[in-house]
Protein backbone atom coordinates (compact mmCIF):
# COMPACT_ATOMS: atom_id res chain seq x y z
CA MET A 1 -13.76 -1.19 2.42
CA GLU A 2 -11.33 -1.95 -0.57
CA VAL A 3 -7.75 -1.89 -0.02
CA LEU A 4 -5.13 -1.72 -2.91
CA ILE A 5 -1.20 -2.18 -2.77
CA LEU A 6 0.23 -0.10 -5.36
CA ALA A 7 3.74 -1.38 -5.83
CA THR A 8 6.61 -2.12 -8.24
CA LYS A 9 7.30 -5.69 -8.67
CA ASP A 10 10.67 -5.74 -6.79
CA CYS A 11 9.76 -3.75 -4.13
CA ASN A 12 11.05 -5.12 -0.87
CA HIS A 13 8.47 -3.76 1.46
CA ARG A 14 5.32 -4.63 -0.42
CA PRO A 15 5.36 -8.35 0.99
CA LEU A 16 5.94 -7.28 4.45
CA VAL A 17 2.96 -4.74 4.26
CA GLU A 18 0.91 -7.84 2.75
CA GLU A 19 2.36 -9.93 5.65
CA ARG A 20 1.02 -7.43 8.13
CA LEU A 21 -2.74 -6.89 6.41
CA LYS A 22 -2.92 -10.75 6.46
CA LYS A 23 -2.37 -10.94 10.16
CA MET A 24 -4.78 -8.04 10.76
CA GLY A 25 -7.58 -10.11 8.35
CA ILE A 26 -7.64 -7.20 5.96
CA SER A 27 -8.45 -8.14 2.24
CA TYR A 28 -6.64 -6.05 0.03
CA GLU A 29 -5.59 -6.53 -3.82
CA VAL A 30 -2.18 -5.76 -5.51
CA ARG A 31 -1.39 -3.70 -8.70
CA TYR A 32 1.89 -3.26 -10.04
CA VAL A 33 2.82 0.45 -11.25
CA ASP A 34 4.22 -1.11 -14.78
CA GLU A 35 0.90 -2.82 -15.39
CA TYR A 36 -1.66 0.20 -14.22
CA PRO A 37 0.25 3.41 -15.42
CA GLU A 38 -3.37 5.05 -14.98
CA LEU A 39 -3.34 4.20 -11.35
CA VAL A 40 0.31 5.53 -11.01
CA GLU A 41 -1.04 8.83 -12.73
CA LYS A 42 -4.38 9.04 -10.56
CA TYR A 43 -2.59 8.45 -7.11
CA GLU A 44 0.61 10.10 -8.20
CA ALA A 45 2.75 7.46 -6.91
CA HIS A 46 6.18 8.02 -7.30
CA SER A 47 7.48 5.41 -4.77
CA SER A 48 6.44 2.02 -3.35
CA PRO A 49 4.87 0.78 -1.73
CA ASN A 50 1.35 3.16 -1.75
CA ILE A 51 -1.59 1.76 0.34
CA ILE A 52 -4.61 3.18 -0.73
CA VAL A 53 -8.41 2.87 0.87
CA ASP A 54 -11.62 3.52 -0.55
CA GLY A 55 -9.82 5.74 -3.55
CA GLU A 56 -7.58 7.65 -1.11
CA VAL A 57 -3.90 7.15 -0.48
CA VAL A 58 -3.22 6.47 3.23
CA TYR A 59 0.36 5.60 3.13
CA ARG A 60 2.85 6.49 0.81
CA GLY A 61 6.26 4.62 0.69
CA ASP A 62 9.36 7.07 0.50
CA TYR A 63 12.61 6.14 0.02
CA GLY A 64 14.06 5.36 3.21
CA ASP A 65 11.24 5.52 5.25
CA PRO A 66 10.20 2.45 7.07
CA ILE A 67 6.80 0.59 6.52
CA PRO A 68 4.27 1.10 8.80
CA THR A 69 4.08 -0.97 11.89
CA GLU A 70 1.41 -2.92 12.83
CA ASP A 71 -0.10 -0.47 15.12
CA GLU A 72 0.14 2.37 12.47
CA LEU A 73 -1.56 0.47 9.92
CA LYS A 74 -4.18 -0.43 12.64
CA SER A 75 -4.74 2.93 13.07
CA LEU A 76 -5.44 3.52 9.23
CA PHE A 77 -8.34 1.12 9.57
CA THR A 78 -10.18 1.94 12.65
CA ASP A 79 -12.27 5.15 13.54
């Protein structure tokens, strides 16, 4: 499973998402939108952070929305 966090460098929520994924033992990569404009276009990432699993956006941060809880994240990674 490939997990990608696509975010802005100053995104306050990205470190919290990373912390939760680490706690769950899920490997991931972080890519920053200003360094990967092609990913912004591909995934239509107009907010931050975005969690992409195997090429599919499973979470899209939206202004004012809370980041996913640990239980919500777990549901993204279990069948």
